[in-house]
Amino acid sequence: MRIGWIGLGNMGIPMVKNTVAAGVEVTVFNRTPKPNLDVGGATVVQKLEEAVIDQDALILMVSDGAAVKDILFAQKAVEQMRENTLVVNMSTIGVDETLDLAAGVHTRGLRFVDAPVLGSVKPATEGTLTVVAGGDEADFNELQPLFTAISKVAFHVGPVGKGAAMKLLVNAFLGMTVEALGECLSYAGNQSLATDLVMQVLENSAVWSPTLAGKRAMVEHERYEAQFALKHLKKDLGLAVRQGQAVSANMPAIETTFKSFERAESAGYGEMDMAAIVQFLSAGKQQS
């Protein structure tokens, strides 16, 4: 399998390195030049067309739906790929955006799979992400060499659009988890209960989870170097709310969490890790 890869951010680079290590031929391009990158032996090119021509699949791992649309259509990647190429969006975007992109791709004789991933930098580096893919089952099966390289498990969750729907569901749950932690620690501070003590008690309760375990050190040391930036989770929460409204889903807690993350970003926490919502809430900087 020959793969073109667009997007060399904090997630894209380790995913590319693991894909190359699995024996897949990868050609990479980043819209913003990044000199001296270690991409594990992938071929780095300076022009988009060099990454998309004559590939079996094109992988997109970029910031949002606007970036995916720009690459495929404004920069005319779809016009440079050979017929029947697999276009695989692994970025987190809206369900509506996914369906629109897929329709545009299909009209040009190309195939489309939406395959966002669950996990942040650490599982991306370890090759233990989870893939949730929407599209034809035959296309999903064809992508197994890629999925095996980057993930511990890959789910085929239905037709195009269902991968995006599942990813937004998970990230909404993630947002509510750290929001709940932040609210409880804000309460704990007003009760003169130390953060490390609260975390110890939570660890020995039924509510403990891998998310809390993964963010524990950040919270206890109040150091929020971004693994998954708060601004990106805010974006995903907004997409989940928008899709929920489109299908008349009842999501009051998710809507409230989204508003909390909006306020945190406005207060200057956007570039910090998503767990910085704890610091934002505990600092009492939220606004009604």
C-alpha atoms as a PDB file:
ATOM      1  CA  MET A   1       0.000   0.000   0.000  1.00  0.00           C
ATOM      2  CA  ARG A   2       1.248   3.455  -0.942  1.00  0.00           C
ATOM      3  CA  ILE A   3      -0.111   6.281   1.157  1.00  0.00           C
ATOM      4  CA  GLY A   4      -0.055  10.049   0.802  1.00  0.00           C
ATOM      5  CA  TRP A   5      -0.339  11.793   4.161  1.00  0.00           C
ATOM      6  CA  ILE A   6      -1.382  15.391   4.788  1.00  0.00           C
ATOM      7  CA  GLY A   7      -0.927  16.791   8.290  1.00  0.00           C
ATOM      8  CA  LEU A   8       2.163  16.614  10.501  1.00  0.00           C
ATOM      9  CA  GLY A   9       0.969  17.939  13.831  1.00  0.00           C
ATOM     10  CA  ASN A  10       1.381  16.432  17.290  1.00  0.00           C
ATOM     11  CA  MET A  11      -0.738  13.443  16.273  1.00  0.00           C
ATOM     12  CA  GLY A  12       0.224  13.144  12.627  1.00  0.00           C
ATOM     13  CA  ILE A  13       3.963  12.710  13.119  1.00  0.00           C
ATOM     14  CA  PRO A  14       3.840   9.681  15.456  1.00  0.00           C
ATOM     15  CA  MET A  15       1.081   8.120  13.354  1.00  0.00           C
ATOM     16  CA  VAL A  16       3.227   8.465  10.242  1.00  0.00           C
ATOM     17  CA  LYS A  17       6.265   6.991  12.009  1.00  0.00           C
ATOM     18  CA  ASN A  18       4.281   3.950  13.140  1.00  0.00           C
ATOM     19  CA  THR A  19       2.849   3.482   9.649  1.00  0.00           C
ATOM     20  CA  VAL A  20       6.317   3.545   8.083  1.00  0.00           C
ATOM     21  CA  ALA A  21       7.610   1.145  10.737  1.00  0.00           C
ATOM     22  CA  ALA A  22       4.883  -1.300   9.692  1.00  0.00           C
ATOM     23  CA  GLY A  23       6.298  -1.370   6.168  1.00  0.00           C
ATOM     24  CA  VAL A  24       3.838   0.961   4.477  1.00  0.00           C
ATOM     25  CA  GLU A  25       5.243   3.381   1.898  1.00  0.00           C
ATOM     26  CA  VAL A  26       4.282   6.913   3.010  1.00  0.00           C
ATOM     27  CA  THR A  27       4.739  10.289   1.324  1.00  0.00           C
ATOM     28  CA  VAL A  28       4.028  13.254   3.606  1.00  0.00           C
ATOM     29  CA  PHE A  29       3.154  16.907   3.135  1.00  0.00           C
ATOM     30  CA  ASN A  30       2.380  19.645   5.647  1.00  0.00           C
ATOM     31  CA  ARG A  31       0.701  22.882   4.639  1.00  0.00           C
ATOM     32  CA  THR A  32       3.016  24.853   6.935  1.00  0.00           C
ATOM     33  CA  PRO A  33       6.690  24.005   6.224  1.00  0.00           C
ATOM     34  CA  LYS A  34       8.372  22.215   9.139  1.00  0.00           C
ATOM     35  CA  PRO A  35      12.091  21.741   8.441  1.00  0.00           C
ATOM     36  CA  ASN A  36      14.141  18.894   9.923  1.00  0.00           C
ATOM     37  CA  LEU A  37      11.174  16.769  10.925  1.00  0.00           C
ATOM     38  CA  ASP A  38      11.733  13.196  12.034  1.00  0.00           C
ATOM     39  CA  VAL A  39       9.034  11.248  10.207  1.00  0.00           C
ATOM     40  CA  GLY A  40      10.585   7.829  10.551  1.00  0.00           C
ATOM     41  CA  GLY A  41      11.731   7.410   6.970  1.00  0.00           C
ATOM     42  CA  ALA A  42       8.631   8.705   5.204  1.00  0.00           C
ATOM     43  CA  THR A  43       9.264  10.693   2.040  1.00  0.00           C
ATOM     44  CA  VAL A  44       8.773  14.408   2.720  1.00  0.00           C
ATOM     45  CA  VAL A  45       7.615  16.533  -0.218  1.00  0.00           C
ATOM     46  CA  GLN A  46       7.171  20.297  -0.581  1.00  0.00           C
ATOM     47  CA  LYS A  47       4.157  20.326  -2.879  1.00  0.00           C
ATOM     48  CA  LEU A  48       0.698  18.918  -2.237  1.00  0.00           C
ATOM     49  CA  GLU A  49       0.457  17.272  -5.637  1.00  0.00           C
ATOM     50  CA  GLU A  50       3.589  15.235  -4.925  1.00  0.00           C
ATOM     51  CA  ALA A  51       1.831  13.629  -1.959  1.00  0.00           C
ATOM     52  CA  VAL A  52      -1.428  12.784  -3.713  1.00  0.00           C
ATOM     53  CA  ILE A  53      -0.443  11.610  -7.199  1.00  0.00           C
ATOM     54  CA  ASP A  54      -0.312   7.856  -7.798  1.00  0.00           C
ATOM     55  CA  GLN A  55      -1.217   6.768  -4.257  1.00  0.00           C
ATOM     56  CA  ASP A  56      -3.516   3.978  -3.117  1.00  0.00           C
ATOM     57  CA  ALA A  57      -4.881   6.150  -0.321  1.00  0.00           C
ATOM     58  CA  LEU A  58      -4.687   9.750   0.850  1.00  0.00           C
ATOM     59  CA  ILE A  59      -4.828  10.318   4.618  1.00  0.00           C
ATOM     60  CA  LEU A  60      -5.890  13.669   6.046  1.00  0.00           C
ATOM     61  CA  MET A  61      -4.981  14.455   9.665  1.00  0.00           C
ATOM     62  CA  VAL A  62      -5.525  18.195   9.970  1.00  0.00           C
ATOM     63  CA  SER A  63      -7.160  20.722  12.258  1.00  0.00           C
ATOM     64  CA  ASP A  64     -10.780  20.936  11.118  1.00  0.00           C
ATOM     65  CA  GLY A  65     -13.333  20.549   8.349  1.00  0.00           C
ATOM     66  CA  ALA A  66     -12.337  23.793   6.675  1.00  0.00           C
ATOM     67  CA  ALA A  67      -8.766  22.525   6.327  1.00  0.00           C
ATOM     68  CA  VAL A  68      -9.922  19.214   4.837  1.00  0.00           C
ATOM     69  CA  LYS A  69     -12.150  21.029   2.345  1.00  0.00           C
ATOM     70  CA  ASP A  70      -9.350  23.424   1.413  1.00  0.00           C
ATOM     71  CA  ILE A  71      -6.902  20.605   0.692  1.00  0.00           C
ATOM     72  CA  LEU A  72      -9.299  18.482  -1.296  1.00  0.00           C
ATOM     73  CA  PHE A  73     -11.098  21.143  -3.313  1.00  0.00           C
ATOM     74  CA  ALA A  74      -9.530  24.625  -3.098  1.00  0.00           C
ATOM     75  CA  GLN A  75      -6.051  23.167  -3.569  1.00  0.00           C
ATOM     76  CA  LYS A  76      -7.495  20.635  -6.029  1.00  0.00           C
ATOM     77  CA  ALA A  77      -6.116  17.436  -4.517  1.00  0.00           C
ATOM     78  CA  VAL A  78      -9.173  15.548  -5.799  1.00  0.00           C
ATOM     79  CA  GLU A  79      -8.305  16.544  -9.352  1.00  0.00           C
ATOM     80  CA  GLN A  80      -4.782  15.160  -9.069  1.00  0.00           C
ATOM     81  CA  MET A  81      -5.580  11.703  -7.704  1.00  0.00           C
ATOM     82  CA  ARG A  82      -6.125   8.736  -9.942  1.00  0.00           C
ATOM     83  CA  GLU A  83      -9.613   7.280 -10.153  1.00  0.00           C
ATOM     84  CA  ASN A  84     -10.723   5.050  -7.269  1.00  0.00           C
ATOM     85  CA  THR A  85      -8.127   6.364  -4.814  1.00  0.00           C
ATOM     86  CA  LEU A  86      -9.230   6.023  -1.181  1.00  0.00           C
ATOM     87  CA  VAL A  87      -9.578   9.384   0.570  1.00  0.00           C
ATOM     88  CA  VAL A  88      -9.411   8.787   4.325  1.00  0.00           C
ATOM     89  CA  ASN A  89     -10.227  11.631   6.691  1.00  0.00           C
ATOM     90  CA  MET A  90      -8.816  10.977  10.160  1.00  0.00           C
ATOM     91  CA  SER A  91      -9.374  14.549  11.343  1.00  0.00           C
ATOM     92  CA  THR A  92     -12.200  15.300  13.761  1.00  0.00           C
ATOM     93  CA  ILE A  93     -14.892  17.186  11.841  1.00  0.00           C
ATOM     94  CA  GLY A  94     -18.676  17.456  11.816  1.00  0.00           C
ATOM     95  CA  VAL A  95     -21.011  14.779  10.544  1.00  0.00           C
ATOM     96  CA  ASP A  96     -22.552  17.262   8.110  1.00  0.00           C
ATOM     97  CA  GLU A  97     -19.101  18.291   6.899  1.00  0.00           C
ATOM     98  CA  THR A  98     -18.159  14.634   6.443  1.00  0.00           C
ATOM     99  CA  LEU A  99     -21.189  13.879   4.292  1.00  0.00           C
ATOM    100  CA  ASP A 100     -20.626  16.961   2.146  1.00  0.00           C
ATOM    101  CA  LEU A 101     -16.961  16.106   1.605  1.00  0.00           C
ATOM    102  CA  ALA A 102     -17.781  12.502   0.761  1.00  0.00           C
ATOM    103  CA  ALA A 103     -20.328  13.597  -1.832  1.00  0.00           C
ATOM    104  CA  GLY A 104     -17.771  15.861  -3.488  1.00  0.00           C
ATOM    105  CA  VAL A 105     -15.137  13.146  -3.470  1.00  0.00           C
ATOM    106  CA  HIS A 106     -17.496  10.536  -4.922  1.00  0.00           C
ATOM    107  CA  THR A 107     -18.468  12.772  -7.836  1.00  0.00           C
ATOM    108  CA  ARG A 108     -14.828  12.700  -8.909  1.00  0.00           C
ATOM    109  CA  GLY A 109     -14.615   8.910  -9.020  1.00  0.00           C
ATOM    110  CA  LEU A 110     -12.839   8.571  -5.683  1.00  0.00           C
ATOM    111  CA  ARG A 111     -13.740   6.593  -2.559  1.00  0.00           C
ATOM    112  CA  PHE A 112     -14.160   8.080   0.919  1.00  0.00           C
ATOM    113  CA  VAL A 113     -13.805   6.751   4.464  1.00  0.00           C
ATOM    114  CA  ASP A 114     -14.138   8.833   7.620  1.00  0.00           C
ATOM    115  CA  ALA A 115     -11.838   7.270  10.201  1.00  0.00           C
ATOM    116  CA  PRO A 116     -11.152   9.603  13.136  1.00  0.00           C
ATOM    117  CA  VAL A 117      -9.072   8.265  16.005  1.00  0.00           C
ATOM    118  CA  LEU A 118      -9.591   8.156  19.760  1.00  0.00           C
ATOM    119  CA  GLY A 119      -6.563   9.051  21.836  1.00  0.00           C
ATOM    120  CA  SER A 120      -3.955  11.768  22.187  1.00  0.00           C
ATOM    121  CA  VAL A 121      -0.181  12.044  21.718  1.00  0.00           C
ATOM    122  CA  LYS A 122       0.855   9.193  24.024  1.00  0.00           C
ATOM    123  CA  PRO A 123      -1.286   6.463  22.371  1.00  0.00           C
ATOM    124  CA  ALA A 124      -0.443   7.936  18.968  1.00  0.00           C
ATOM    125  CA  THR A 125       3.236   7.449  19.783  1.00  0.00           C
ATOM    126  CA  GLU A 126       2.648   3.952  21.140  1.00  0.00           C
ATOM    127  CA  GLY A 127       0.457   2.910  18.208  1.00  0.00           C
ATOM    128  CA  THR A 128      -2.485   2.227  20.521  1.00  0.00           C
ATOM    129  CA  LEU A 129      -5.124   4.601  19.187  1.00  0.00           C
ATOM    130  CA  THR A 130      -8.688   3.444  18.517  1.00  0.00           C
ATOM    131  CA  VAL A 131     -10.103   3.948  15.020  1.00  0.00           C
ATOM    132  CA  VAL A 132     -13.822   4.503  14.424  1.00  0.00           C
ATOM    133  CA  ALA A 133     -14.432   4.257  10.692  1.00  0.00           C
ATOM    134  CA  GLY A 134     -17.438   4.952   8.510  1.00  0.00           C
ATOM    135  CA  GLY A 135     -17.615   3.812   4.897  1.00  0.00           C
ATOM    136  CA  ASP A 136     -17.853   0.705   2.748  1.00  0.00           C
ATOM    137  CA  GLU A 137     -16.724  -2.431   4.550  1.00  0.00           C
ATOM    138  CA  ALA A 138     -14.479  -3.394   1.622  1.00  0.00           C
ATOM    139  CA  ASP A 139     -12.683  -0.050   1.914  1.00  0.00           C
ATOM    140  CA  PHE A 140     -12.363  -0.528   5.671  1.00  0.00           C
ATOM    141  CA  ASN A 141     -10.786  -3.941   5.108  1.00  0.00           C
ATOM    142  CA  GLU A 142      -8.384  -2.518   2.526  1.00  0.00           C
ATOM    143  CA  LEU A 143      -7.107  -0.061   5.124  1.00  0.00           C
ATOM    144  CA  GLN A 144      -6.183  -2.724   7.673  1.00  0.00           C
ATOM    145  CA  PRO A 145      -2.386  -2.293   7.169  1.00  0.00           C
ATOM    146  CA  LEU A 146      -2.765   1.360   8.194  1.00  0.00           C
ATOM    147  CA  PHE A 147      -5.128   0.678  11.076  1.00  0.00           C
ATOM    148  CA  THR A 148      -2.945  -2.134  12.423  1.00  0.00           C
ATOM    149  CA  ALA A 149       0.067   0.181  12.404  1.00  0.00           C
ATOM    150  CA  ILE A 150      -1.517   3.030  14.361  1.00  0.00           C
ATOM    151  CA  SER A 151      -4.147   1.464  16.603  1.00  0.00           C
ATOM    152  CA  LYS A 152      -4.952  -1.246  19.120  1.00  0.00           C
ATOM    153  CA  VAL A 153      -8.372  -1.733  17.535  1.00  0.00           C
ATOM    154  CA  ALA A 154     -10.314  -0.411  14.545  1.00  0.00           C
ATOM    155  CA  PHE A 155     -14.112  -0.421  14.472  1.00  0.00           C
ATOM    156  CA  HIS A 156     -16.220  -0.321  11.333  1.00  0.00           C
ATOM    157  CA  VAL A 157     -19.197   1.597  12.722  1.00  0.00           C
ATOM    158  CA  GLY A 158     -21.333   1.943   9.607  1.00  0.00           C
ATOM    159  CA  PRO A 159     -21.557   3.997   6.406  1.00  0.00           C
ATOM    160  CA  VAL A 160     -19.786   7.301   5.784  1.00  0.00           C
ATOM    161  CA  GLY A 161     -20.566   9.800   8.534  1.00  0.00           C
ATOM    162  CA  LYS A 162     -20.876   7.278  11.337  1.00  0.00           C
ATOM    163  CA  GLY A 163     -17.169   7.501  12.143  1.00  0.00           C
ATOM    164  CA  ALA A 164     -17.535  11.236  12.703  1.00  0.00           C
ATOM    165  CA  ALA A 165     -20.698  10.699  14.749  1.00  0.00           C
ATOM    166  CA  MET A 166     -18.970   8.167  16.992  1.00  0.00           C
ATOM    167  CA  LYS A 167     -15.888  10.366  17.468  1.00  0.00           C
ATOM    168  CA  LEU A 168     -18.002  13.340  18.504  1.00  0.00           C
ATOM    169  CA  LEU A 169     -19.925  11.156  20.949  1.00  0.00           C
ATOM    170  CA  VAL A 170     -16.692  10.027  22.601  1.00  0.00           C
ATOM    171  CA  ASN A 171     -15.219  13.526  22.744  1.00  0.00           C
ATOM    172  CA  ALA A 172     -18.431  14.883  24.221  1.00  0.00           C
ATOM    173  CA  PHE A 173     -18.126  12.274  26.961  1.00  0.00           C
ATOM    174  CA  LEU A 174     -14.470  13.237  27.393  1.00  0.00           C
ATOM    175  CA  GLY A 175     -15.367  16.897  27.738  1.00  0.00           C
ATOM    176  CA  MET A 176     -18.005  16.160  30.351  1.00  0.00           C
ATOM    177  CA  THR A 177     -15.529  13.992  32.280  1.00  0.00           C
ATOM    178  CA  VAL A 178     -12.929  16.727  32.713  1.00  0.00           C
ATOM    179  CA  GLU A 179     -15.651  19.335  33.252  1.00  0.00           C
ATOM    180  CA  ALA A 180     -17.056  17.202  36.076  1.00  0.00           C
ATOM    181  CA  LEU A 181     -13.589  16.857  37.597  1.00  0.00           C
ATOM    182  CA  GLY A 182     -13.094  20.612  37.422  1.00  0.00           C
ATOM    183  CA  GLU A 183     -16.427  21.370  39.055  1.00  0.00           C
ATOM    184  CA  CYS A 184     -15.832  18.841  41.824  1.00  0.00           C
ATOM    185  CA  LEU A 185     -12.333  20.169  42.543  1.00  0.00           C
ATOM    186  CA  SER A 186     -13.694  23.710  42.616  1.00  0.00           C
ATOM    187  CA  TYR A 187     -16.179  22.515  45.209  1.00  0.00           C
ATOM    188  CA  ALA A 188     -13.416  20.668  47.061  1.00  0.00           C
ATOM    189  CA  GLY A 189     -11.311  23.820  47.270  1.00  0.00           C
ATOM    190  CA  ASN A 190     -14.201  25.661  48.883  1.00  0.00           C
ATOM    191  CA  GLN A 191     -14.443  22.798  51.379  1.00  0.00           C
ATOM    192  CA  SER A 192     -10.701  22.946  52.202  1.00  0.00           C
ATOM    193  CA  LEU A 193     -10.167  19.489  50.697  1.00  0.00           C
ATOM    194  CA  ALA A 194      -6.710  19.142  49.102  1.00  0.00           C
ATOM    195  CA  THR A 195      -6.569  18.204  45.423  1.00  0.00           C
ATOM    196  CA  ASP A 196      -4.184  15.285  45.957  1.00  0.00           C
ATOM    197  CA  LEU A 197      -6.459  13.878  48.661  1.00  0.00           C
ATOM    198  CA  VAL A 198      -9.512  14.203  46.425  1.00  0.00           C
ATOM    199  CA  MET A 199      -7.679  12.409  43.618  1.00  0.00           C
ATOM    200  CA  GLN A 200      -6.661   9.593  45.967  1.00  0.00           C
ATOM    201  CA  VAL A 201     -10.254   9.123  47.074  1.00  0.00           C
ATOM    202  CA  LEU A 202     -11.553   9.232  43.493  1.00  0.00           C
ATOM    203  CA  GLU A 203      -8.936   6.663  42.487  1.00  0.00           C
ATOM    204  CA  ASN A 204     -10.450   4.267  44.996  1.00  0.00           C
ATOM    205  CA  SER A 205     -14.016   4.868  43.903  1.00  0.00           C
ATOM    206  CA  ALA A 206     -16.268   3.601  41.139  1.00  0.00           C
ATOM    207  CA  VAL A 207     -15.899   6.846  39.153  1.00  0.00           C
ATOM    208  CA  TRP A 208     -12.160   6.460  38.438  1.00  0.00           C
ATOM    209  CA  SER A 209     -11.266   6.147  34.777  1.00  0.00           C
ATOM    210  CA  PRO A 210      -8.266   6.090  32.402  1.00  0.00           C
ATOM    211  CA  THR A 211      -8.994   9.747  31.588  1.00  0.00           C
ATOM    212  CA  LEU A 212      -8.663  10.784  35.222  1.00  0.00           C
ATOM    213  CA  ALA A 213      -5.553   8.658  35.619  1.00  0.00           C
ATOM    214  CA  GLY A 214      -3.990  10.222  32.544  1.00  0.00           C
ATOM    215  CA  LYS A 215      -4.661  13.787  33.686  1.00  0.00           C
ATOM    216  CA  ARG A 216      -3.883  13.283  37.374  1.00  0.00           C
ATOM    217  CA  ALA A 217      -0.306  14.577  37.290  1.00  0.00           C
ATOM    218  CA  MET A 218      -1.337  17.654  35.322  1.00  0.00           C
ATOM    219  CA  VAL A 219      -4.043  18.482  37.819  1.00  0.00           C
ATOM    220  CA  GLU A 220      -1.968  17.846  40.931  1.00  0.00           C
ATOM    221  CA  HIS A 221       1.035  19.838  39.646  1.00  0.00           C
ATOM    222  CA  GLU A 222      -1.047  22.442  37.802  1.00  0.00           C
ATOM    223  CA  ARG A 223       1.045  22.057  34.671  1.00  0.00           C
ATOM    224  CA  TYR A 224      -1.099  21.790  31.562  1.00  0.00           C
ATOM    225  CA  GLU A 225       1.249  21.294  28.627  1.00  0.00           C
ATOM    226  CA  ALA A 226      -1.065  20.407  25.764  1.00  0.00           C
ATOM    227  CA  GLN A 227      -1.512  16.805  24.719  1.00  0.00           C
ATOM    228  CA  PHE A 228      -4.991  17.633  23.459  1.00  0.00           C
ATOM    229  CA  ALA A 229      -5.490  21.387  23.461  1.00  0.00           C
ATOM    230  CA  LEU A 230      -8.560  22.772  25.173  1.00  0.00           C
ATOM    231  CA  LYS A 231      -9.458  24.779  22.059  1.00  0.00           C
ATOM    232  CA  HIS A 232      -9.653  21.582  20.008  1.00  0.00           C
ATOM    233  CA  LEU A 233     -11.941  19.841  22.486  1.00  0.00           C
ATOM    234  CA  LYS A 234     -14.096  22.982  22.535  1.00  0.00           C
ATOM    235  CA  LYS A 235     -14.361  22.723  18.761  1.00  0.00           C
ATOM    236  CA  ASP A 236     -15.425  19.079  19.016  1.00  0.00           C
ATOM    237  CA  LEU A 237     -17.993  19.839  21.702  1.00  0.00           C
ATOM    238  CA  GLY A 238     -19.429  22.511  19.423  1.00  0.00           C
ATOM    239  CA  LEU A 239     -19.659  20.034  16.569  1.00  0.00           C
ATOM    240  CA  ALA A 240     -21.393  17.529  18.844  1.00  0.00           C
ATOM    241  CA  VAL A 241     -23.896  20.165  19.966  1.00  0.00           C
ATOM    242  CA  ARG A 242     -24.570  21.198  16.371  1.00  0.00           C
ATOM    243  CA  GLN A 243     -25.178  17.617  15.282  1.00  0.00           C
ATOM    244  CA  GLY A 244     -27.316  16.943  18.332  1.00  0.00           C
ATOM    245  CA  GLN A 245     -29.512  19.886  17.471  1.00  0.00           C
ATOM    246  CA  ALA A 246     -29.762  18.681  13.875  1.00  0.00           C
ATOM    247  CA  VAL A 247     -31.127  15.297  14.986  1.00  0.00           C
ATOM    248  CA  SER A 248     -33.134  16.610  17.983  1.00  0.00           C
ATOM    249  CA  ALA A 249     -30.980  14.788  20.551  1.00  0.00           C
ATOM    250  CA  ASN A 250     -31.458  15.730  24.215  1.00  0.00           C
ATOM    251  CA  MET A 251     -27.985  16.898  25.325  1.00  0.00           C
ATOM    252  CA  PRO A 252     -28.265  19.509  28.103  1.00  0.00           C
ATOM    253  CA  ALA A 253     -25.052  18.513  29.908  1.00  0.00           C
ATOM    254  CA  ILE A 254     -23.030  18.520  26.687  1.00  0.00           C
ATOM    255  CA  GLU A 255     -24.392  21.943  25.767  1.00  0.00           C
ATOM    256  CA  THR A 256     -23.440  23.284  29.201  1.00  0.00           C
ATOM    257  CA  THR A 257     -19.968  21.762  28.951  1.00  0.00           C
ATOM    258  CA  PHE A 258     -19.462  23.383  25.559  1.00  0.00           C
ATOM    259  CA  LYS A 259     -20.323  26.800  26.998  1.00  0.00           C
ATOM    260  CA  SER A 260     -17.876  26.233  29.844  1.00  0.00           C
ATOM    261  CA  PHE A 261     -15.091  25.387  27.383  1.00  0.00           C
ATOM    262  CA  GLU A 262     -15.991  28.459  25.318  1.00  0.00           C
ATOM    263  CA  ARG A 263     -15.519  30.633  28.395  1.00  0.00           C
ATOM    264  CA  ALA A 264     -12.244  28.921  29.251  1.00  0.00           C
ATOM    265  CA  GLU A 265     -10.872  29.558  25.783  1.00  0.00           C
ATOM    266  CA  SER A 266     -11.929  33.205  25.972  1.00  0.00           C
ATOM    267  CA  ALA A 267     -10.124  33.435  29.322  1.00  0.00           C
ATOM    268  CA  GLY A 268      -6.848  32.345  27.720  1.00  0.00           C
ATOM    269  CA  TYR A 269      -6.796  28.586  28.338  1.00  0.00           C
ATOM    270  CA  GLY A 270      -7.202  27.500  24.710  1.00  0.00           C
ATOM    271  CA  GLU A 271      -3.591  26.503  24.033  1.00  0.00           C
ATOM    272  CA  MET A 272      -3.322  24.547  27.274  1.00  0.00           C
ATOM    273  CA  ASP A 273      -4.338  20.914  27.669  1.00  0.00           C
ATOM    274  CA  MET A 274      -8.048  20.201  27.880  1.00  0.00           C
ATOM    275  CA  ALA A 275      -7.542  19.347  31.566  1.00  0.00           C
ATOM    276  CA  ALA A 276      -6.886  23.056  32.165  1.00  0.00           C
ATOM    277  CA  ILE A 277     -10.670  23.347  32.428  1.00  0.00           C
ATOM    278  CA  VAL A 278      -9.987  22.223  36.020  1.00  0.00           C
ATOM    279  CA  GLN A 279      -7.779  25.252  36.644  1.00  0.00           C
ATOM    280  CA  PHE A 280     -10.240  27.574  34.926  1.00  0.00           C
ATOM    281  CA  LEU A 281     -13.140  26.413  37.069  1.00  0.00           C
ATOM    282  CA  SER A 282     -11.134  26.325  40.285  1.00  0.00           C
ATOM    283  CA  ALA A 283      -9.841  29.841  39.644  1.00  0.00           C
ATOM    284  CA  GLY A 284     -13.418  31.083  39.578  1.00  0.00           C
ATOM    285  CA  LYS A 285     -12.858  32.864  36.251  1.00  0.00           C
ATOM    286  CA  GLN A 286     -15.924  31.481  34.559  1.00  0.00           C
ATOM    287  CA  GLN A 287     -18.523  34.004  33.558  1.00  0.00           C
ATOM    288  CA  SER A 288     -22.252  33.543  33.255  1.00  0.00           C
END
